[in-house]
PDB file of all heavy atoms in Angstrom:
ATOM      1  N   LEU A   1       0.850  -1.202  -0.004  1.00  0.00           N
ATOM      2  CA  LEU A   1       0.005   0.003   0.001  1.00  0.00           C
ATOM      3  C   LEU A   1       0.866   1.258  -0.003  1.00  0.00           C
ATOM      4  O   LEU A   1       0.676   2.184  -0.813  1.00  0.00           O
ATOM      5  CB  LEU A   1      -0.890  -0.022   1.256  1.00  0.00           C
ATOM      6  CG  LEU A   1      -1.692   1.254   1.528  1.00  0.00           C
ATOM      7  CD1 LEU A   1      -2.817   1.385   0.501  1.00  0.00           C
ATOM      8  CD2 LEU A   1      -2.290   1.208   2.944  1.00  0.00           C
ATOM      9  N   TYR A   2       1.864   1.296   0.883  1.00  0.00           N
ATOM     10  CA  TYR A   2       2.735   2.447   0.981  1.00  0.00           C
ATOM     11  C   TYR A   2       3.788   2.475  -0.144  1.00  0.00           C
ATOM     12  O   TYR A   2       4.166   3.544  -0.605  1.00  0.00           O
ATOM     13  CB  TYR A   2       3.402   2.508   2.344  1.00  0.00           C
ATOM     14  CG  TYR A   2       2.387   2.725   3.438  1.00  0.00           C
ATOM     15  CD1 TYR A   2       2.037   1.697   4.329  1.00  0.00           C
ATOM     16  CD2 TYR A   2       1.750   3.948   3.579  1.00  0.00           C
ATOM     17  CE1 TYR A   2       1.076   1.914   5.329  1.00  0.00           C
ATOM     18  CE2 TYR A   2       0.803   4.162   4.557  1.00  0.00           C
ATOM     19  CZ  TYR A   2       0.458   3.138   5.435  1.00  0.00           C
ATOM     20  OH  TYR A   2      -0.484   3.327   6.402  1.00  0.00           O
ATOM     21  N   ARG A   3       4.221   1.299  -0.548  1.00  0.00           N
ATOM     22  CA  ARG A   3       5.220   1.222  -1.645  1.00  0.00           C
ATOM     23  C   ARG A   3       4.647   1.826  -2.935  1.00  0.00           C
ATOM     24  O   ARG A   3       5.351   2.467  -3.676  1.00  0.00           O
ATOM     25  CB  ARG A   3       5.627  -0.232  -1.848  1.00  0.00           C
ATOM     26  CG  ARG A   3       6.723  -0.413  -2.905  1.00  0.00           C
ATOM     27  CD  ARG A   3       6.998  -1.866  -3.159  1.00  0.00           C
ATOM     28  NE  ARG A   3       7.703  -2.500  -2.053  1.00  0.00           N
ATOM     29  CZ  ARG A   3       7.381  -3.656  -1.485  1.00  0.00           C
ATOM     30  NH1 ARG A   3       6.339  -4.335  -1.936  1.00  0.00           N
ATOM     31  NH2 ARG A   3       8.108  -4.129  -0.489  1.00  0.00           N
ATOM     32  N   ASN A   4       3.361   1.580  -3.177  1.00  0.00           N
ATOM     33  CA  ASN A   4       2.737   2.109  -4.389  1.00  0.00           C
ATOM     34  C   ASN A   4       2.990   3.592  -4.559  1.00  0.00           C
ATOM     35  O   ASN A   4       3.429   4.078  -5.582  1.00  0.00           O
ATOM     36  CB  ASN A   4       1.249   1.862  -4.379  1.00  0.00           C
ATOM     37  CG  ASN A   4       0.844   0.517  -4.913  1.00  0.00           C
ATOM     38  OD1 ASN A   4       1.609  -0.123  -5.640  1.00  0.00           O
ATOM     39  ND2 ASN A   4      -0.350   0.065  -4.555  1.00  0.00           N
ATOM     40  N   THR A   5       2.660   4.372  -3.526  1.00  0.00           N
ATOM     41  CA  THR A   5       2.796   5.818  -3.610  1.00  0.00           C
ATOM     42  C   THR A   5       4.233   6.276  -3.456  1.00  0.00           C
ATOM     43  O   THR A   5       4.699   7.164  -4.197  1.00  0.00           O
ATOM     44  CB  THR A   5       1.905   6.496  -2.535  1.00  0.00           C
ATOM     45  OG1 THR A   5       0.538   6.162  -2.793  1.00  0.00           O
ATOM     46  CG2 THR A   5       2.049   8.001  -2.588  1.00  0.00           C
ATOM     47  N   SER A   6       4.988   5.681  -2.564  1.00  0.00           N
ATOM     48  CA  SER A   6       6.344   6.161  -2.325  1.00  0.00           C
ATOM     49  C   SER A   6       7.234   5.922  -3.547  1.00  0.00           C
ATOM     50  O   SER A   6       8.035   6.812  -3.924  1.00  0.00           O
ATOM     51  CB  SER A   6       6.964   5.467  -1.105  1.00  0.00           C
ATOM     52  OG  SER A   6       7.052   4.075  -1.290  1.00  0.00           O
ATOM     53  N   GLU A   7       7.117   4.783  -4.219  1.00  0.00           N
ATOM     54  CA  GLU A   7       7.950   4.538  -5.393  1.00  0.00           C
ATOM     55  C   GLU A   7       7.454   5.309  -6.604  1.00  0.00           C
ATOM     56  O   GLU A   7       8.285   5.741  -7.433  1.00  0.00           O
ATOM     57  CB  GLU A   7       8.027   3.045  -5.673  1.00  0.00           C
ATOM     58  CG  GLU A   7       8.765   2.295  -4.560  1.00  0.00           C
ATOM     59  CD  GLU A   7       9.109   0.846  -4.923  1.00  0.00           C
ATOM     60  OE1 GLU A   7       8.737   0.377  -6.029  1.00  0.00           O
ATOM     61  OE2 GLU A   7       9.731   0.183  -4.086  1.00  0.00           O
ATOM     62  N   LEU A   8       6.178   5.548  -6.705  1.00  0.00           N
ATOM     63  CA  LEU A   8       5.662   6.432  -7.784  1.00  0.00           C
ATOM     64  C   LEU A   8       6.265   7.828  -7.622  1.00  0.00           C
ATOM     65  O   LEU A   8       6.654   8.472  -8.598  1.00  0.00           O
ATOM     66  CB  LEU A   8       4.142   6.492  -7.727  1.00  0.00           C
ATOM     67  CG  LEU A   8       3.462   7.490  -8.647  1.00  0.00           C
ATOM     68  CD1 LEU A   8       3.738   7.188 -10.110  1.00  0.00           C
ATOM     69  CD2 LEU A   8       1.937   7.497  -8.403  1.00  0.00           C
ATOM     70  N   ARG A   9       6.401   8.284  -6.389  1.00  0.00           N
ATOM     71  CA  ARG A   9       6.867   9.670  -6.158  1.00  0.00           C
ATOM     72  C   ARG A   9       8.402   9.790  -6.260  1.00  0.00           C
ATOM     73  O   ARG A   9       8.928  10.917  -6.107  1.00  0.00           O
ATOM     74  CB  ARG A   9       6.334  10.165  -4.809  1.00  0.00           C
ATOM     75  CG  ARG A   9       4.837  10.379  -4.918  1.00  0.00           C
ATOM     76  CD  ARG A   9       4.196  10.922  -3.675  1.00  0.00           C
ATOM     77  NE  ARG A   9       2.777  11.186  -3.961  1.00  0.00           N
ATOM     78  CZ  ARG A   9       1.908  11.619  -3.074  1.00  0.00           C
ATOM     79  NH1 ARG A   9       2.282  11.796  -1.823  1.00  0.00           N
ATOM     80  NH2 ARG A   9       0.644  11.832  -3.418  1.00  0.00           N
ATOM     81  N   GLU A  10       9.054   8.701  -6.526  1.00  0.00           N
ATOM     82  CA  GLU A  10      10.470   8.764  -6.876  1.00  0.00           C
ATOM     83  C   GLU A  10      10.684   9.194  -8.343  1.00  0.00           C
ATOM     84  O   GLU A  10      11.801   9.566  -8.731  1.00  0.00           O
ATOM     85  CB  GLU A  10      11.162   7.416  -6.629  1.00  0.00           C
ATOM     86  CG  GLU A  10      11.243   7.062  -5.151  1.00  0.00           C
ATOM     87  CD  GLU A  10      11.786   5.652  -4.935  1.00  0.00           C
ATOM     88  OE1 GLU A  10      12.187   5.028  -5.947  1.00  0.00           O
ATOM     89  OE2 GLU A  10      11.820   5.205  -3.772  1.00  0.00           O
ATOM     90  N   VAL A  11       9.625   9.122  -9.125  1.00  0.00           N
ATOM     91  CA  VAL A  11       9.706   9.527 -10.538  1.00  0.00           C
ATOM     92  C   VAL A  11       9.862  11.057 -10.595  1.00  0.00           C
ATOM     93  O   VAL A  11       9.111  11.795  -9.958  1.00  0.00           O
ATOM     94  CB  VAL A  11       8.446   9.082 -11.320  1.00  0.00           C
ATOM     95  CG1 VAL A  11       8.467   9.663 -12.716  1.00  0.00           C
ATOM     96  CG2 VAL A  11       8.357   7.577 -11.312  1.00  0.00           C
ATOM     97  N   GLN A  12      10.831  11.507 -11.393  1.00  0.00           N
ATOM     98  CA  GLN A  12      11.088  12.929 -11.519  1.00  0.00           C
ATOM     99  C   GLN A  12      10.827  13.405 -12.941  1.00  0.00           C
ATOM    100  O   GLN A  12      11.044  12.665 -13.921  1.00  0.00           O
ATOM    101  CB  GLN A  12      12.543  13.234 -11.135  1.00  0.00           C
ATOM    102  CG  GLN A  12      12.850  12.892  -9.683  1.00  0.00           C
ATOM    103  CD  GLN A  12      14.323  13.086  -9.364  1.00  0.00           C
ATOM    104  OE1 GLN A  12      15.203  12.897 -10.193  1.00  0.00           O
ATOM    105  NE2 GLN A  12      14.614  13.470  -8.118  1.00  0.00           N
ATOM    106  N   LEU A  13      10.381  14.654 -13.070  1.00  0.00           N
ATOM    107  CA  LEU A  13      10.053  15.243 -14.368  1.00  0.00           C
ATOM    108  C   LEU A  13      10.915  16.467 -14.632  1.00  0.00           C
ATOM    109  O   LEU A  13      11.213  17.231 -13.704  1.00  0.00           O
ATOM    110  CB  LEU A  13       8.561  15.600 -14.428  1.00  0.00           C
ATOM    111  CG  LEU A  13       7.571  14.453 -14.109  1.00  0.00           C
ATOM    112  CD1 LEU A  13       6.136  14.964 -14.164  1.00  0.00           C
ATOM    113  CD2 LEU A  13       7.769  13.279 -15.049  1.00  0.00           C
ATOM    114  N   LYS A  14      11.267  16.657 -15.870  1.00  0.00           N
ATOM    115  CA  LYS A  14      12.175  17.730 -16.263  1.00  0.00           C
ATOM    116  C   LYS A  14      11.392  18.837 -16.998  1.00  0.00           C
ATOM    117  O   LYS A  14      10.750  18.582 -18.000  1.00  0.00           O
ATOM    118  CB  LYS A  14      13.265  17.191 -17.185  1.00  0.00           C
ATOM    119  CG  LYS A  14      14.373  18.200 -17.509  1.00  0.00           C
ATOM    120  CD  LYS A  14      15.352  17.624 -18.515  1.00  0.00           C
ATOM    121  CE  LYS A  14      16.081  16.423 -17.944  1.00  0.00           C
ATOM    122  NZ  LYS A  14      17.002  16.796 -16.843  1.00  0.00           N
ATOM    123  N   PRO A  15      11.476  20.082 -16.492  1.00  0.00           N
ATOM    124  CA  PRO A  15      10.824  21.183 -17.203  1.00  0.00           C
ATOM    125  C   PRO A  15      11.664  21.680 -18.399  1.00  0.00           C
ATOM    126  O   PRO A  15      12.890  21.487 -18.418  1.00  0.00           O
ATOM    127  CB  PRO A  15      10.737  22.277 -16.124  1.00  0.00           C
ATOM    128  CG  PRO A  15      11.912  22.017 -15.252  1.00  0.00           C
ATOM    129  CD  PRO A  15      12.096  20.511 -15.253  1.00  0.00           C
ATOM    130  N   ARG A  16      10.991  22.285 -19.366  1.00  0.00           N
ATOM    131  CA  ARG A  16      11.689  22.897 -20.499  1.00  0.00           C
ATOM    132  C   ARG A  16      11.134  24.311 -20.635  1.00  0.00           C
ATOM    133  O   ARG A  16      10.128  24.551 -21.302  1.00  0.00           O
ATOM    134  CB  ARG A  16      11.442  22.079 -21.762  1.00  0.00           C
ATOM    135  CG  ARG A  16      11.997  20.679 -21.690  1.00  0.00           C
ATOM    136  CD  ARG A  16      11.751  19.895 -22.937  1.00  0.00           C
ATOM    137  NE  ARG A  16      12.288  18.553 -22.841  1.00  0.00           N
ATOM    138  CZ  ARG A  16      12.167  17.624 -23.770  1.00  0.00           C
ATOM    139  NH1 ARG A  16      11.501  17.916 -24.899  1.00  0.00           N
ATOM    140  NH2 ARG A  16      12.675  16.415 -23.591  1.00  0.00           N
ATOM    141  N   TYR A  17      11.809  25.252 -19.998  1.00  0.00           N
ATOM    142  CA  TYR A  17      11.277  26.589 -19.833  1.00  0.00           C
ATOM    143  C   TYR A  17      11.409  27.434 -21.101  1.00  0.00           C
ATOM    144  O   TYR A  17      10.484  28.241 -21.422  1.00  0.00           O
ATOM    145  CB  TYR A  17      11.949  27.296 -18.668  1.00  0.00           C
ATOM    146  CG  TYR A  17      11.628  26.654 -17.313  1.00  0.00           C
ATOM    147  CD1 TYR A  17      12.630  26.265 -16.451  1.00  0.00           C
ATOM    148  CD2 TYR A  17      10.307  26.455 -16.936  1.00  0.00           C
ATOM    149  CE1 TYR A  17      12.337  25.699 -15.221  1.00  0.00           C
ATOM    150  CE2 TYR A  17      10.010  25.893 -15.697  1.00  0.00           C
ATOM    151  CZ  TYR A  17      11.052  25.498 -14.844  1.00  0.00           C
ATOM    152  OH  TYR A  17      10.741  24.925 -13.635  1.00  0.00           O
ATOM    153  N   LEU A  18      12.500  27.371 -21.799  1.00  0.00           N
ATOM    154  CA  LEU A  18      12.785  28.277 -22.904  1.00  0.00           C
ATOM    155  C   LEU A  18      12.215  27.702 -24.226  1.00  0.00           C
ATOM    156  O   LEU A  18      12.956  27.381 -25.165  1.00  0.00           O
ATOM    157  CB  LEU A  18      14.282  28.562 -23.020  1.00  0.00           C
ATOM    158  CG  LEU A  18      14.881  29.204 -21.780  1.00  0.00           C
ATOM    159  CD1 LEU A  18      16.385  29.456 -21.995  1.00  0.00           C
ATOM    160  CD2 LEU A  18      14.173  30.489 -21.409  1.00  0.00           C
ATOM    161  N   ARG A  19      10.896  27.610 -24.266  1.00  0.00           N
ATOM    162  CA  ARG A  19      10.247  27.128 -25.482  1.00  0.00           C
ATOM    163  C   ARG A  19       8.920  27.852 -25.641  1.00  0.00           C
ATOM    164  O   ARG A  19       8.346  28.352 -24.667  1.00  0.00           O
ATOM    165  CB  ARG A  19      10.049  25.608 -25.426  1.00  0.00           C
ATOM    166  CG  ARG A  19       8.993  25.189 -24.413  1.00  0.00           C
ATOM    167  CD  ARG A  19       8.957  23.682 -24.151  1.00  0.00           C
ATOM    168  NE  ARG A  19       8.886  22.869 -25.346  1.00  0.00           N
ATOM    169  CZ  ARG A  19       8.729  21.546 -25.310  1.00  0.00           C
ATOM    170  NH1 ARG A  19       8.649  20.911 -24.146  1.00  0.00           N
ATOM    171  NH2 ARG A  19       8.703  20.865 -26.427  1.00  0.00           N
ATOM    172  N   ASP A  20       8.421  27.931 -26.870  1.00  0.00           N
ATOM    173  CA  ASP A  20       7.116  28.518 -27.073  1.00  0.00           C
ATOM    174  C   ASP A  20       6.062  27.708 -26.390  1.00  0.00           C
ATOM    175  O   ASP A  20       6.061  26.461 -26.476  1.00  0.00           O
ATOM    176  CB  ASP A  20       6.831  28.588 -28.566  1.00  0.00           C
ATOM    177  CG  ASP A  20       7.759  29.539 -29.313  1.00  0.00           C
ATOM    178  OD1 ASP A  20       8.253  30.482 -28.669  1.00  0.00           O
ATOM    179  OD2 ASP A  20       7.953  29.378 -30.525  1.00  0.00           O
ATOM    180  N   PHE A  21       5.166  28.374 -25.716  1.00  0.00           N
ATOM    181  CA  PHE A  21       4.154  27.654 -24.950  1.00  0.00           C
ATOM    182  C   PHE A  21       2.862  28.479 -24.881  1.00  0.00           C
ATOM    183  O   PHE A  21       2.873  29.625 -24.402  1.00  0.00           O
ATOM    184  CB  PHE A  21       4.651  27.372 -23.509  1.00  0.00           C
ATOM    185  CG  PHE A  21       3.735  26.537 -22.713  1.00  0.00           C
ATOM    186  CD1 PHE A  21       3.573  25.176 -22.962  1.00  0.00           C
ATOM    187  CD2 PHE A  21       3.005  27.087 -21.639  1.00  0.00           C
ATOM    188  CE1 PHE A  21       2.710  24.402 -22.214  1.00  0.00           C
ATOM    189  CE2 PHE A  21       2.142  26.302 -20.887  1.00  0.00           C
ATOM    190  CZ  PHE A  21       1.999  24.962 -21.174  1.00  0.00           C
ATOM    191  N   ASN A  22       1.785  27.872 -25.368  1.00  0.00           N
ATOM    192  CA  ASN A  22       0.496  28.582 -25.409  1.00  0.00           C
ATOM    193  C   ASN A  22      -0.541  27.937 -24.500  1.00  0.00           C
ATOM    194  O   ASN A  22      -1.744  28.115 -24.702  1.00  0.00           O
ATOM    195  CB  ASN A  22      -0.031  28.607 -26.857  1.00  0.00           C
ATOM    196  CG  ASN A  22       0.890  29.389 -27.773  1.00  0.00           C
ATOM    197  OD1 ASN A  22       1.349  30.470 -27.418  1.00  0.00           O
ATOM    198  ND2 ASN A  22       1.177  28.817 -28.956  1.00  0.00           N
ATOM    199  N   GLY A  23      -0.073  27.215 -23.509  1.00  0.00           N
ATOM    200  CA  GLY A  23      -1.002  26.597 -22.561  1.00  0.00           C
ATOM    201  C   GLY A  23      -1.060  25.089 -22.697  1.00  0.00           C
ATOM    202  O   GLY A  23      -0.620  24.498 -23.680  1.00  0.00           O
ATOM    203  N   ALA A  24      -1.579  24.449 -21.642  1.00  0.00           N
ATOM    204  CA  ALA A  24      -1.668  22.982 -21.566  1.00  0.00           C
ATOM    205  C   ALA A  24      -3.093  22.515 -21.771  1.00  0.00           C
ATOM    206  O   ALA A  24      -4.033  23.161 -21.303  1.00  0.00           O
ATOM    207  CB  ALA A  24      -1.147  22.508 -20.200  1.00  0.00           C
ATOM    208  N   LYS A  25      -3.245  21.415 -22.443  1.00  0.00           N
ATOM    209  CA  LYS A  25      -4.554  20.818 -22.683  1.00  0.00           C
ATOM    210  C   LYS A  25      -4.588  19.399 -22.063  1.00  0.00           C
ATOM    211  O   LYS A  25      -3.724  18.581 -22.365  1.00  0.00           O
ATOM    212  CB  LYS A  25      -4.844  20.729 -24.183  1.00  0.00           C
ATOM    213  CG  LYS A  25      -4.976  22.092 -24.828  1.00  0.00           C
ATOM    214  CD  LYS A  25      -5.304  21.976 -26.318  1.00  0.00           C
ATOM    215  CE  LYS A  25      -5.440  23.352 -26.941  1.00  0.00           C
ATOM    216  NZ  LYS A  25      -5.715  23.268 -28.413  1.00  0.00           N
ATOM    217  N   MET A  26      -5.566  19.182 -21.219  1.00  0.00           N
ATOM    218  CA  MET A  26      -5.652  17.924 -20.464  1.00  0.00           C
ATOM    219  C   MET A  26      -6.481  16.842 -21.165  1.00  0.00           C
ATOM    220  O   MET A  26      -6.556  15.731 -20.672  1.00  0.00           O
ATOM    221  CB  MET A  26      -6.224  18.186 -19.083  1.00  0.00           C
ATOM    222  CG  MET A  26      -5.225  18.659 -18.073  1.00  0.00           C
ATOM    223  SD  MET A  26      -5.941  18.680 -16.398  1.00  0.00           S
ATOM    224  CE  MET A  26      -7.093  20.020 -16.562  1.00  0.00           C
ATOM    225  N   LYS A  27      -7.115  17.165 -22.252  1.00  0.00           N
ATOM    226  CA  LYS A  27      -7.942  16.152 -22.908  1.00  0.00           C
ATOM    227  C   LYS A  27      -7.125  14.912 -23.250  1.00  0.00           C
ATOM    228  O   LYS A  27      -5.953  15.009 -23.594  1.00  0.00           O
ATOM    229  CB  LYS A  27      -8.579  16.728 -24.195  1.00  0.00           C
ATOM    230  CG  LYS A  27      -9.704  17.719 -23.921  1.00  0.00           C
ATOM    231  CD  LYS A  27     -10.373  18.143 -25.188  1.00  0.00           C
ATOM    232  CE  LYS A  27     -11.483  19.158 -24.946  1.00  0.00           C
ATOM    233  NZ  LYS A  27     -12.606  18.589 -24.172  1.00  0.00           N
TER     234      LYS A  27
END
């Protein structure tokens, strides 16, 4: 139960700031 969330939260994401961006779409 706890491993599910704790190991998922070890995943890291990288931002890319210097790019054209007109908003995010969640569809």
